[in-house]
Structure formats: C-alpha cells, structure tokens
C-alpha cells in the first residue's frame, strides 16, 4: 500500500518474489550456487578464499564492500554465525564434507 505519513514521509509497499524449495537441502544448494556463481557474489567468494575471514565475508554480503547486499537484515552476520555454531548444523556440515571427500 502507498500513502502519506507524518513529517513528509510516504509509506510504500513492495511486492517481492521469493523462491520456494521442497527440501532444506535444495534450499542450501541454491544458496551455495548463489554465493559461488551469482553475479554479485562470486567475486566476494574469491576474496574470502584469499583472506579466510568469515566475519569479513559476512560484512561484504551485507554490502560493506559497496556491492549490492545479499542480506538487508542488520543482524544477518550475527544470526548466521549463531546458526553455524549449532551442534546439529556442525554435524550436517561435517557429513557434507565427508560426502564431498568420498
């Protein structure tokens, strides 16, 4: 919806498209493809492969490098680090690494 607010500000409504996935694995595979091959993201991954600083990569994904951000949530980096730190996620990542190595 669109309409005026107080102080000369305006309310603007946006309609965005989001992908839907049948499985969590499919969602993560798509996320991985975006970060490794996406037009606005592959150069960030190359830089990360050189500096190996996850916090810097996450800041870049939030637009700190001046490129379009992946995440607009100002707490994206904190939330993602919390998620990565969960035991079940660590176990899933370890299993994925084992499968890749085999």
PDB file of N, CA and C in Angstrom:
ATOM      1  N   UNK A   1       0.837  -1.186   0.000  1.00  0.00           N
ATOM      2  CA  UNK A   1       0.000   0.000   0.000  1.00  0.00           C
ATOM      3  C   UNK A   1       0.874   1.239   0.000  1.00  0.00           C
ATOM      4  N   UNK A   2       0.357   2.288  -0.546  1.00  0.00           N
ATOM      5  CA  UNK A   2       1.081   3.549  -0.641  1.00  0.00           C
ATOM      6  C   UNK A   2       0.235   4.626   0.025  1.00  0.00           C
ATOM      7  N   UNK A   3       0.900   5.507   0.734  1.00  0.00           N
ATOM      8  CA  UNK A   3       0.156   6.585   1.361  1.00  0.00           C
ATOM      9  C   UNK A   3       1.065   7.502   2.146  1.00  0.00           C
ATOM     10  N   UNK A   4       0.621   8.695   2.402  1.00  0.00           N
ATOM     11  CA  UNK A   4       1.448   9.650   3.138  1.00  0.00           C
ATOM     12  C   UNK A   4       1.519   9.318   4.634  1.00  0.00           C
ATOM     13  N   UNK A   5       2.650   9.605   5.224  1.00  0.00           N
ATOM     14  CA  UNK A   5       2.842   9.511   6.665  1.00  0.00           C
ATOM     15  C   UNK A   5       3.138  10.901   7.188  1.00  0.00           C
ATOM     16  N   UNK A   6       3.244  11.065   8.474  1.00  0.00           N
ATOM     17  CA  UNK A   6       3.548  12.383   9.033  1.00  0.00           C
ATOM     18  C   UNK A   6       4.984  12.777   8.713  1.00  0.00           C
ATOM     19  N   UNK A   7       5.254  14.059   8.734  1.00  0.00           N
ATOM     20  CA  UNK A   7       6.605  14.569   8.536  1.00  0.00           C
ATOM     21  C   UNK A   7       7.093  14.496   7.102  1.00  0.00           C
ATOM     22  N   UNK A   8       6.178  14.444   6.152  1.00  0.00           N
ATOM     23  CA  UNK A   8       6.582  14.419   4.748  1.00  0.00           C
ATOM     24  C   UNK A   8       7.056  13.069   4.245  1.00  0.00           C
ATOM     25  N   UNK A   9       6.981  12.059   5.085  1.00  0.00           N
ATOM     26  CA  UNK A   9       7.386  10.715   4.664  1.00  0.00           C
ATOM     27  C   UNK A   9       6.214  10.011   4.016  1.00  0.00           C
ATOM     28  N   UNK A  10       6.537   9.008   3.181  1.00  0.00           N
ATOM     29  CA  UNK A  10       5.495   8.241   2.499  1.00  0.00           C
ATOM     30  C   UNK A  10       5.679   6.769   2.776  1.00  0.00           C
ATOM     31  N   UNK A  11       4.559   6.088   2.877  1.00  0.00           N
ATOM     32  CA  UNK A  11       4.554   4.644   3.032  1.00  0.00           C
ATOM     33  C   UNK A  11       4.512   4.022   1.633  1.00  0.00           C
ATOM     34  N   UNK A  12       5.428   3.083   1.374  1.00  0.00           N
ATOM     35  CA  UNK A  12       5.496   2.447   0.065  1.00  0.00           C
ATOM     36  C   UNK A  12       5.429   0.939   0.260  1.00  0.00           C
ATOM     37  N   UNK A  13       4.602   0.297  -0.489  1.00  0.00           N
ATOM     38  CA  UNK A  13       4.503  -1.156  -0.440  1.00  0.00           C
ATOM     39  C   UNK A  13       5.256  -1.774  -1.608  1.00  0.00           C
ATOM     40  N   UNK A  14       5.948  -2.858  -1.345  1.00  0.00           N
ATOM     41  CA  UNK A  14       6.688  -3.560  -2.384  1.00  0.00           C
ATOM     42  C   UNK A  14       6.204  -4.997  -2.474  1.00  0.00           C
ATOM     43  N   UNK A  15       6.218  -5.520  -3.646  1.00  0.00           N
ATOM     44  CA  UNK A  15       5.892  -6.931  -3.856  1.00  0.00           C
ATOM     45  C   UNK A  15       7.171  -7.606  -4.325  1.00  0.00           C
ATOM     46  N   UNK A  16       7.662  -8.522  -3.538  1.00  0.00           N
ATOM     47  CA  UNK A  16       8.909  -9.222  -3.846  1.00  0.00           C
ATOM     48  C   UNK A  16       8.625 -10.684  -4.149  1.00  0.00           C
ATOM     49  N   UNK A  17       9.488 -11.291  -4.946  1.00  0.00           N
ATOM     50  CA  UNK A  17       9.379 -12.712  -5.246  1.00  0.00           C
ATOM     51  C   UNK A  17      10.421 -13.470  -4.436  1.00  0.00           C
ATOM     52  N   UNK A  18      10.019 -14.602  -3.899  1.00  0.00           N
ATOM     53  CA  UNK A  18      10.922 -15.445  -3.140  1.00  0.00           C
ATOM     54  C   UNK A  18      10.830 -16.858  -3.678  1.00  0.00           C
ATOM     55  N   UNK A  19      11.947 -17.554  -3.650  1.00  0.00           N
ATOM     56  CA  UNK A  19      11.968 -18.942  -4.104  1.00  0.00           C
ATOM     57  C   UNK A  19      11.386 -19.846  -3.022  1.00  0.00           C
ATOM     58  N   UNK A  20      10.785 -20.926  -3.453  1.00  0.00           N
ATOM     59  CA  UNK A  20      10.278 -21.950  -2.543  1.00  0.00           C
ATOM     60  C   UNK A  20      10.994 -23.253  -2.872  1.00  0.00           C
ATOM     61  N   UNK A  21      11.338 -24.019  -1.855  1.00  0.00           N
ATOM     62  CA  UNK A  21      12.098 -25.252  -2.045  1.00  0.00           C
ATOM     63  C   UNK A  21      11.368 -26.412  -1.391  1.00  0.00           C
ATOM     64  N   UNK A  22      11.490 -27.580  -2.015  1.00  0.00           N
ATOM     65  CA  UNK A  22      10.849 -28.776  -1.471  1.00  0.00           C
ATOM     66  C   UNK A  22      11.575 -29.337  -0.267  1.00  0.00           C
ATOM     67  N   UNK A  23      12.901 -29.113  -0.199  1.00  0.00           N
ATOM     68  CA  UNK A  23      13.690 -29.644   0.912  1.00  0.00           C
ATOM     69  C   UNK A  23      14.675 -28.593   1.398  1.00  0.00           C
ATOM     70  N   UNK A  24      15.135 -28.772   2.602  1.00  0.00           N
ATOM     71  CA  UNK A  24      16.163 -27.886   3.147  1.00  0.00           C
ATOM     72  C   UNK A  24      17.455 -28.031   2.349  1.00  0.00           C
ATOM     73  N   UNK A  25      17.754 -29.259   1.930  1.00  0.00           N
ATOM     74  CA  UNK A  25      18.953 -29.494   1.122  1.00  0.00           C
ATOM     75  C   UNK A  25      18.903 -28.698  -0.184  1.00  0.00           C
ATOM     76  N   UNK A  26      17.754 -28.664  -0.832  1.00  0.00           N
ATOM     77  CA  UNK A  26      17.609 -27.903  -2.071  1.00  0.00           C
ATOM     78  C   UNK A  26      17.789 -26.404  -1.818  1.00  0.00           C
ATOM     79  N   UNK A  27      17.291 -25.925  -0.693  1.00  0.00           N
ATOM     80  CA  UNK A  27      17.445 -24.510  -0.351  1.00  0.00           C
ATOM     81  C   UNK A  27      18.912 -24.161  -0.141  1.00  0.00           C
ATOM     82  N   UNK A  28      19.633 -25.001   0.588  1.00  0.00           N
ATOM     83  CA  UNK A  28      21.054 -24.736   0.828  1.00  0.00           C
ATOM     84  C   UNK A  28      21.875 -24.876  -0.448  1.00  0.00           C
ATOM     85  N   UNK A  29      21.507 -25.814  -1.315  1.00  0.00           N
ATOM     86  CA  UNK A  29      22.211 -25.968  -2.590  1.00  0.00           C
ATOM     87  C   UNK A  29      22.041 -24.705  -3.437  1.00  0.00           C
ATOM     88  N   UNK A  30      20.836 -24.153  -3.455  1.00  0.00           N
ATOM     89  CA  UNK A  30      20.588 -22.924  -4.198  1.00  0.00           C
ATOM     90  C   UNK A  30      21.374 -21.759  -3.602  1.00  0.00           C
ATOM     91  N   UNK A  31      21.396 -21.666  -2.289  1.00  0.00           N
ATOM     92  CA  UNK A  31      22.154 -20.619  -1.587  1.00  0.00           C
ATOM     93  C   UNK A  31      23.642 -20.739  -1.938  1.00  0.00           C
ATOM     94  N   UNK A  32      24.147 -21.960  -1.931  1.00  0.00           N
ATOM     95  CA  UNK A  32      25.551 -22.189  -2.284  1.00  0.00           C
ATOM     96  C   UNK A  32      25.858 -21.772  -3.713  1.00  0.00           C
ATOM     97  N   UNK A  33      24.964 -22.105  -4.636  1.00  0.00           N
ATOM     98  CA  UNK A  33      25.160 -21.700  -6.040  1.00  0.00           C
ATOM     99  C   UNK A  33      25.153 -20.182  -6.171  1.00  0.00           C
ATOM    100  N   UNK A  34      24.255 -19.532  -5.453  1.00  0.00           N
ATOM    101  CA  UNK A  34      24.189 -18.076  -5.496  1.00  0.00           C
ATOM    102  C   UNK A  34      25.504 -17.463  -5.023  1.00  0.00           C
ATOM    103  N   UNK A  35      26.029 -17.961  -3.914  1.00  0.00           N
ATOM    104  CA  UNK A  35      27.248 -17.382  -3.353  1.00  0.00           C
ATOM    105  C   UNK A  35      28.488 -17.717  -4.161  1.00  0.00           C
ATOM    106  N   UNK A  36      28.479 -18.839  -4.859  1.00  0.00           N
ATOM    107  CA  UNK A  36      29.672 -19.221  -5.615  1.00  0.00           C
ATOM    108  C   UNK A  36      29.632 -18.790  -7.074  1.00  0.00           C
ATOM    109  N   UNK A  37      28.447 -18.625  -7.631  1.00  0.00           N
ATOM    110  CA  UNK A  37      28.355 -18.312  -9.053  1.00  0.00           C
ATOM    111  C   UNK A  37      27.507 -17.087  -9.366  1.00  0.00           C
ATOM    112  N   UNK A  38      26.819 -16.553  -8.389  1.00  0.00           N
ATOM    113  CA  UNK A  38      25.958 -15.389  -8.623  1.00  0.00           C
ATOM    114  C   UNK A  38      26.763 -14.165  -9.024  1.00  0.00           C
ATOM    115  N   UNK A  39      26.210 -13.402  -9.937  1.00  0.00           N
ATOM    116  CA  UNK A  39      26.895 -12.232 -10.499  1.00  0.00           C
ATOM    117  C   UNK A  39      27.438 -11.283  -9.425  1.00  0.00           C
ATOM    118  N   UNK A  40      26.667 -11.018  -8.396  1.00  0.00           N
ATOM    119  CA  UNK A  40      27.106 -10.084  -7.358  1.00  0.00           C
ATOM    120  C   UNK A  40      27.872 -10.750  -6.219  1.00  0.00           C
ATOM    121  N   UNK A  41      28.117 -12.051  -6.321  1.00  0.00           N
ATOM    122  CA  UNK A  41      28.668 -12.753  -5.167  1.00  0.00           C
ATOM    123  C   UNK A  41      29.953 -13.523  -5.443  1.00  0.00           C
ATOM    124  N   UNK A  42      30.178 -13.984  -6.661  1.00  0.00           N
ATOM    125  CA  UNK A  42      31.344 -14.840  -6.908  1.00  0.00           C
ATOM    126  C   UNK A  42      32.666 -14.138  -6.593  1.00  0.00           C
ATOM    127  N   UNK A  43      32.766 -12.827  -6.852  1.00  0.00           N
ATOM    128  CA  UNK A  43      33.993 -12.098  -6.526  1.00  0.00           C
ATOM    129  C   UNK A  43      34.204 -12.027  -5.009  1.00  0.00           C
ATOM    130  N   UNK A  44      33.133 -12.002  -4.250  1.00  0.00           N
ATOM    131  CA  UNK A  44      33.250 -12.000  -2.790  1.00  0.00           C
ATOM    132  C   UNK A  44      33.819 -13.323  -2.300  1.00  0.00           C
ATOM    133  N   UNK A  45      33.369 -14.415  -2.895  1.00  0.00           N
ATOM    134  CA  UNK A  45      33.894 -15.723  -2.517  1.00  0.00           C
ATOM    135  C   UNK A  45      35.376 -15.819  -2.862  1.00  0.00           C
ATOM    136  N   UNK A  46      35.777 -15.305  -4.002  1.00  0.00           N
ATOM    137  CA  UNK A  46      37.208 -15.329  -4.378  1.00  0.00           C
ATOM    138  C   UNK A  46      38.039 -14.556  -3.355  1.00  0.00           C
ATOM    139  N   UNK A  47      37.546 -13.396  -2.932  1.00  0.00           N
ATOM    140  CA  UNK A  47      38.268 -12.626  -1.901  1.00  0.00           C
ATOM    141  C   UNK A  47      38.328 -13.407  -0.598  1.00  0.00           C
ATOM    142  N   UNK A  48      37.215 -14.041  -0.230  1.00  0.00           N
ATOM    143  CA  UNK A  48      37.193 -14.829   1.004  1.00  0.00           C
ATOM    144  C   UNK A  48      38.206 -15.968   0.933  1.00  0.00           C
ATOM    145  N   UNK A  49      38.331 -16.616  -0.208  1.00  0.00           N
ATOM    146  CA  UNK A  49      39.282 -17.708  -0.359  1.00  0.00           C
ATOM    147  C   UNK A  49      40.713 -17.233  -0.154  1.00  0.00           C
ATOM    148  N   UNK A  50      40.960 -15.953  -0.319  1.00  0.00           N
ATOM    149  CA  UNK A  50      42.292 -15.389  -0.068  1.00  0.00           C
ATOM    150  C   UNK A  50      42.455 -14.973   1.389  1.00  0.00           C
ATOM    151  N   UNK A  51      41.470 -14.263   1.961  1.00  0.00           N
ATOM    152  CA  UNK A  51      41.641 -13.741   3.325  1.00  0.00           C
ATOM    153  C   UNK A  51      41.118 -14.689   4.408  1.00  0.00           C
ATOM    154  N   UNK A  52      40.186 -15.587   4.096  1.00  0.00           N
ATOM    155  CA  UNK A  52      39.641 -16.598   5.022  1.00  0.00           C
ATOM    156  C   UNK A  52      39.102 -16.004   6.323  1.00  0.00           C
ATOM    157  N   UNK A  53      38.445 -14.853   6.235  1.00  0.00           N
ATOM    158  CA  UNK A  53      37.844 -14.211   7.400  1.00  0.00           C
ATOM    159  C   UNK A  53      36.325 -14.219   7.217  1.00  0.00           C
ATOM    160  N   UNK A  54      35.664 -15.135   7.916  1.00  0.00           N
ATOM    161  CA  UNK A  54      34.218 -15.276   7.774  1.00  0.00           C
ATOM    162  C   UNK A  54      33.497 -13.978   8.115  1.00  0.00           C
ATOM    163  N   UNK A  55      33.944 -13.277   9.139  1.00  0.00           N
ATOM    164  CA  UNK A  55      33.285 -12.026   9.514  1.00  0.00           C
ATOM    165  C   UNK A  55      33.361 -11.001   8.382  1.00  0.00           C
ATOM    166  N   UNK A  56      34.472 -10.973   7.667  1.00  0.00           N
ATOM    167  CA  UNK A  56      34.617 -10.046   6.533  1.00  0.00           C
ATOM    168  C   UNK A  56      33.702 -10.460   5.380  1.00  0.00           C
ATOM    169  N   UNK A  57      33.613 -11.760   5.105  1.00  0.00           N
ATOM    170  CA  UNK A  57      32.708 -12.234   4.068  1.00  0.00           C
ATOM    171  C   UNK A  57      31.271 -11.858   4.400  1.00  0.00           C
ATOM    172  N   UNK A  58      30.871 -12.079   5.643  1.00  0.00           N
ATOM    173  CA  UNK A  58      29.502 -11.750   6.044  1.00  0.00           C
ATOM    174  C   UNK A  58      29.237 -10.252   5.937  1.00  0.00           C
ATOM    175  N   UNK A  59      30.207  -9.433   6.310  1.00  0.00           N
ATOM    176  CA  UNK A  59      30.053  -7.981   6.178  1.00  0.00           C
ATOM    177  C   UNK A  59      29.893  -7.606   4.698  1.00  0.00           C
ATOM    178  N   UNK A  60      30.674  -8.250   3.832  1.00  0.00           N
ATOM    179  CA  UNK A  60      30.546  -7.990   2.398  1.00  0.00           C
ATOM    180  C   UNK A  60      29.161  -8.391   1.893  1.00  0.00           C
ATOM    181  N   UNK A  61      28.635  -9.517   2.395  1.00  0.00           N
ATOM    182  CA  UNK A  61      27.308  -9.947   1.981  1.00  0.00           C
ATOM    183  C   UNK A  61      26.232  -8.957   2.416  1.00  0.00           C
ATOM    184  N   UNK A  62      26.555  -8.161   3.418  1.00  0.00           N
ATOM    185  CA  UNK A  62      25.636  -7.126   3.888  1.00  0.00           C
ATOM    186  C   UNK A  62      25.897  -5.795   3.183  1.00  0.00           C
ATOM    187  N   UNK A  63      26.846  -5.795   2.207  1.00  0.00           N
ATOM    188  CA  UNK A  63      27.093  -4.605   1.405  1.00  0.00           C
ATOM    189  C   UNK A  63      28.250  -3.747   1.851  1.00  0.00           C
ATOM    190  N   UNK A  64      29.071  -4.203   2.802  1.00  0.00           N
ATOM    191  CA  UNK A  64      30.192  -3.405   3.292  1.00  0.00           C
ATOM    192  C   UNK A  64      31.216  -3.121   2.195  1.00  0.00           C
ATOM    193  N   UNK A  65      31.244  -3.948   1.162  1.00  0.00           N
ATOM    194  CA  UNK A  65      32.200  -3.758   0.067  1.00  0.00           C
ATOM    195  C   UNK A  65      31.666  -2.823  -1.017  1.00  0.00           C
ATOM    196  N   UNK A  66      30.501  -2.228  -0.776  1.00  0.00           N
ATOM    197  CA  UNK A  66      29.939  -1.288  -1.737  1.00  0.00           C
ATOM    198  C   UNK A  66      29.147  -1.946  -2.854  1.00  0.00           C
ATOM    199  N   UNK A  67      29.045  -3.264  -2.845  1.00  0.00           N
ATOM    200  CA  UNK A  67      28.283  -4.001  -3.847  1.00  0.00           C
ATOM    201  C   UNK A  67      26.872  -4.260  -3.311  1.00  0.00           C
ATOM    202  N   UNK A  68      25.955  -4.639  -4.188  1.00  0.00           N
ATOM    203  CA  UNK A  68      24.587  -4.919  -3.707  1.00  0.00           C
ATOM    204  C   UNK A  68      24.603  -5.993  -2.622  1.00  0.00           C
ATOM    205  N   UNK A  69      23.871  -5.775  -1.551  1.00  0.00           N
ATOM    206  CA  UNK A  69      23.889  -6.745  -0.457  1.00  0.00           C
ATOM    207  C   UNK A  69      23.038  -7.972  -0.757  1.00  0.00           C
ATOM    208  N   UNK A  70      23.421  -9.090  -0.164  1.00  0.00           N
ATOM    209  CA  UNK A  70      22.573 -10.274  -0.158  1.00  0.00           C
ATOM    210  C   UNK A  70      21.548 -10.113   0.955  1.00  0.00           C
ATOM    211  N   UNK A  71      22.028  -9.622   2.089  1.00  0.00           N
ATOM    212  CA  UNK A  71      21.193  -9.537   3.276  1.00  0.00           C
ATOM    213  C   UNK A  71      20.933  -8.080   3.632  1.00  0.00           C
ATOM    214  N   UNK A  72      19.690  -7.792   3.932  1.00  0.00           N
ATOM    215  CA  UNK A  72      19.343  -6.443   4.381  1.00  0.00           C
ATOM    216  C   UNK A  72      19.107  -6.393   5.882  1.00  0.00           C
ATOM    217  N   UNK A  73      19.059  -7.548   6.521  1.00  0.00           N
ATOM    218  CA  UNK A  73      18.891  -7.607   7.969  1.00  0.00           C
ATOM    219  C   UNK A  73      20.202  -7.157   8.618  1.00  0.00           C
ATOM    220  N   UNK A  74      20.185  -6.109   9.429  1.00  0.00           N
ATOM    221  CA  UNK A  74      21.431  -5.637  10.033  1.00  0.00           C
ATOM    222  C   UNK A  74      22.069  -6.649  10.979  1.00  0.00           C
ATOM    223  N   UNK A  75      21.334  -7.676  11.376  1.00  0.00           N
ATOM    224  CA  UNK A  75      21.870  -8.713  12.262  1.00  0.00           C
ATOM    225  C   UNK A  75      22.144 -10.021  11.507  1.00  0.00           C
ATOM    226  N   UNK A  76      22.186  -9.967  10.178  1.00  0.00           N
ATOM    227  CA  UNK A  76      22.391 -11.170   9.365  1.00  0.00           C
ATOM    228  C   UNK A  76      23.648 -11.921   9.786  1.00  0.00           C
ATOM    229  N   UNK A  77      24.744 -11.201   9.951  1.00  0.00           N
ATOM    230  CA  UNK A  77      26.004 -11.866  10.295  1.00  0.00           C
ATOM    231  C   UNK A  77      25.918 -12.559  11.649  1.00  0.00           C
ATOM    232  N   UNK A  78      25.360 -11.901  12.627  1.00  0.00           N
ATOM    233  CA  UNK A  78      25.224 -12.487  13.960  1.00  0.00           C
ATOM    234  C   UNK A  78      24.317 -13.711  13.926  1.00  0.00           C
ATOM    235  N   UNK A  79      23.199 -13.604  13.240  1.00  0.00           N
ATOM    236  CA  UNK A  79      22.268 -14.728  13.148  1.00  0.00           C
ATOM    237  C   UNK A  79      22.894 -15.915  12.433  1.00  0.00           C
ATOM    238  N   UNK A  80      23.621 -15.655  11.338  1.00  0.00           N
ATOM    239  CA  UNK A  80      24.240 -16.745  10.600  1.00  0.00           C
ATOM    240  C   UNK A  80      25.333 -17.416  11.422  1.00  0.00           C
ATOM    241  N   UNK A  81      26.126 -16.644  12.132  1.00  0.00           N
ATOM    242  CA  UNK A  81      27.161 -17.233  12.989  1.00  0.00           C
ATOM    243  C   UNK A  81      26.544 -18.079  14.100  1.00  0.00           C
ATOM    244  N   UNK A  82      25.425 -17.640  14.667  1.00  0.00           N
ATOM    245  CA  UNK A  82      24.730 -18.432  15.680  1.00  0.00           C
ATOM    246  C   UNK A  82      24.220 -19.740  15.086  1.00  0.00           C
ATOM    247  N   UNK A  83      23.683 -19.668  13.896  1.00  0.00           N
ATOM    248  CA  UNK A  83      23.181 -20.862  13.226  1.00  0.00           C
ATOM    249  C   UNK A  83      24.316 -21.840  12.939  1.00  0.00           C
ATOM    250  N   UNK A  84      25.412 -21.337  12.399  1.00  0.00           N
ATOM    251  CA  UNK A  84      26.565 -22.184  12.081  1.00  0.00           C
ATOM    252  C   UNK A  84      27.117 -22.848  13.331  1.00  0.00           C
ATOM    253  N   UNK A  85      27.024 -22.173  14.469  1.00  0.00           N
ATOM    254  CA  UNK A  85      27.566 -22.693  15.717  1.00  0.00           C
ATOM    255  C   UNK A  85      26.729 -23.775  16.380  1.00  0.00           C
ATOM    256  N   UNK A  86      25.524 -24.030  15.891  1.00  0.00           N
ATOM    257  CA  UNK A  86      24.670 -25.048  16.494  1.00  0.00           C
ATOM    258  C   UNK A  86      25.220 -26.440  16.201  1.00  0.00           C
ATOM    259  N   UNK A  87      25.114 -27.309  17.185  1.00  0.00           N
ATOM    260  CA  UNK A  87      25.672 -28.663  17.067  1.00  0.00           C
ATOM    261  C   UNK A  87      25.113 -29.418  15.870  1.00  0.00           C
ATOM    262  N   UNK A  88      23.808 -29.323  15.631  1.00  0.00           N
ATOM    263  CA  UNK A  88      23.221 -30.059  14.507  1.00  0.00           C
ATOM    264  C   UNK A  88      23.711 -29.532  13.162  1.00  0.00           C
ATOM    265  N   UNK A  89      23.972 -28.239  13.070  1.00  0.00           N
ATOM    266  CA  UNK A  89      24.487 -27.667  11.828  1.00  0.00           C
ATOM    267  C   UNK A  89      25.943 -28.086  11.635  1.00  0.00           C
ATOM    268  N   UNK A  90      26.720 -28.062  12.711  1.00  0.00           N
ATOM    269  CA  UNK A  90      28.114 -28.525  12.616  1.00  0.00           C
ATOM    270  C   UNK A  90      28.159 -29.980  12.153  1.00  0.00           C
ATOM    271  N   UNK A  91      27.279 -30.815  12.684  1.00  0.00           N
ATOM    272  CA  UNK A  91      27.230 -32.226  12.296  1.00  0.00           C
ATOM    273  C   UNK A  91      26.853 -32.364  10.820  1.00  0.00           C
ATOM    274  N   UNK A  92      25.888 -31.588  10.364  1.00  0.00           N
ATOM    275  CA  UNK A  92      25.466 -31.647   8.964  1.00  0.00           C
ATOM    276  C   UNK A  92      26.590 -31.190   8.038  1.00  0.00           C
ATOM    277  N   UNK A  93      27.303 -30.145   8.445  1.00  0.00           N
ATOM    278  CA  UNK A  93      28.432 -29.675   7.633  1.00  0.00           C
ATOM    279  C   UNK A  93      29.542 -30.728   7.576  1.00  0.00           C
ATOM    280  N   UNK A  94      29.803 -31.384   8.691  1.00  0.00           N
ATOM    281  CA  UNK A  94      30.815 -32.442   8.713  1.00  0.00           C
ATOM    282  C   UNK A  94      30.418 -33.592   7.793  1.00  0.00           C
ATOM    283  N   UNK A  95      29.141 -33.983   7.811  1.00  0.00           N
ATOM    284  CA  UNK A  95      28.661 -35.045   6.933  1.00  0.00           C
ATOM    285  C   UNK A  95      28.793 -34.640   5.466  1.00  0.00           C
ATOM    286  N   UNK A  96      28.482 -33.398   5.162  1.00  0.00           N
ATOM    287  CA  UNK A  96      28.589 -32.908   3.776  1.00  0.00           C
ATOM    288  C   UNK A  96      30.045 -32.936   3.326  1.00  0.00           C
ATOM    289  N   UNK A  97      30.952 -32.574   4.209  1.00  0.00           N
ATOM    290  CA  UNK A  97      32.388 -32.613   3.856  1.00  0.00           C
ATOM    291  C   UNK A  97      32.846 -34.044   3.608  1.00  0.00           C
ATOM    292  N   UNK A  98      32.356 -34.980   4.413  1.00  0.00           N
ATOM    293  CA  UNK A  98      32.721 -36.394   4.223  1.00  0.00           C
ATOM    294  C   UNK A  98      32.215 -36.905   2.895  1.00  0.00           C
ATOM    295  N   UNK A  99      30.985 -36.561   2.536  1.00  0.00           N
ATOM    296  CA  UNK A  99      30.422 -36.987   1.253  1.00  0.00           C
ATOM    297  C   UNK A  99      31.215 -36.415   0.088  1.00  0.00           C
ATOM    298  N   UNK A 100      31.607 -35.155   0.226  1.00  0.00           N
ATOM    299  CA  UNK A 100      32.366 -34.483  -0.837  1.00  0.00           C
ATOM    300  C   UNK A 100      33.734 -35.139  -1.006  1.00  0.00           C
ATOM    301  N   UNK A 101      34.354 -35.519   0.113  1.00  0.00           N
ATOM    302  CA  UNK A 101      35.681 -36.140   0.069  1.00  0.00           C
ATOM    303  C   UNK A 101      35.634 -37.558  -0.507  1.00  0.00           C
ATOM    304  N   UNK A 102      34.501 -38.220  -0.378  1.00  0.00           N
ATOM    305  CA  UNK A 102      34.381 -39.633  -0.829  1.00  0.00           C
ATOM    306  C   UNK A 102      34.232 -39.743  -2.330  1.00  0.00           C
TER     307      UNK A 102
END
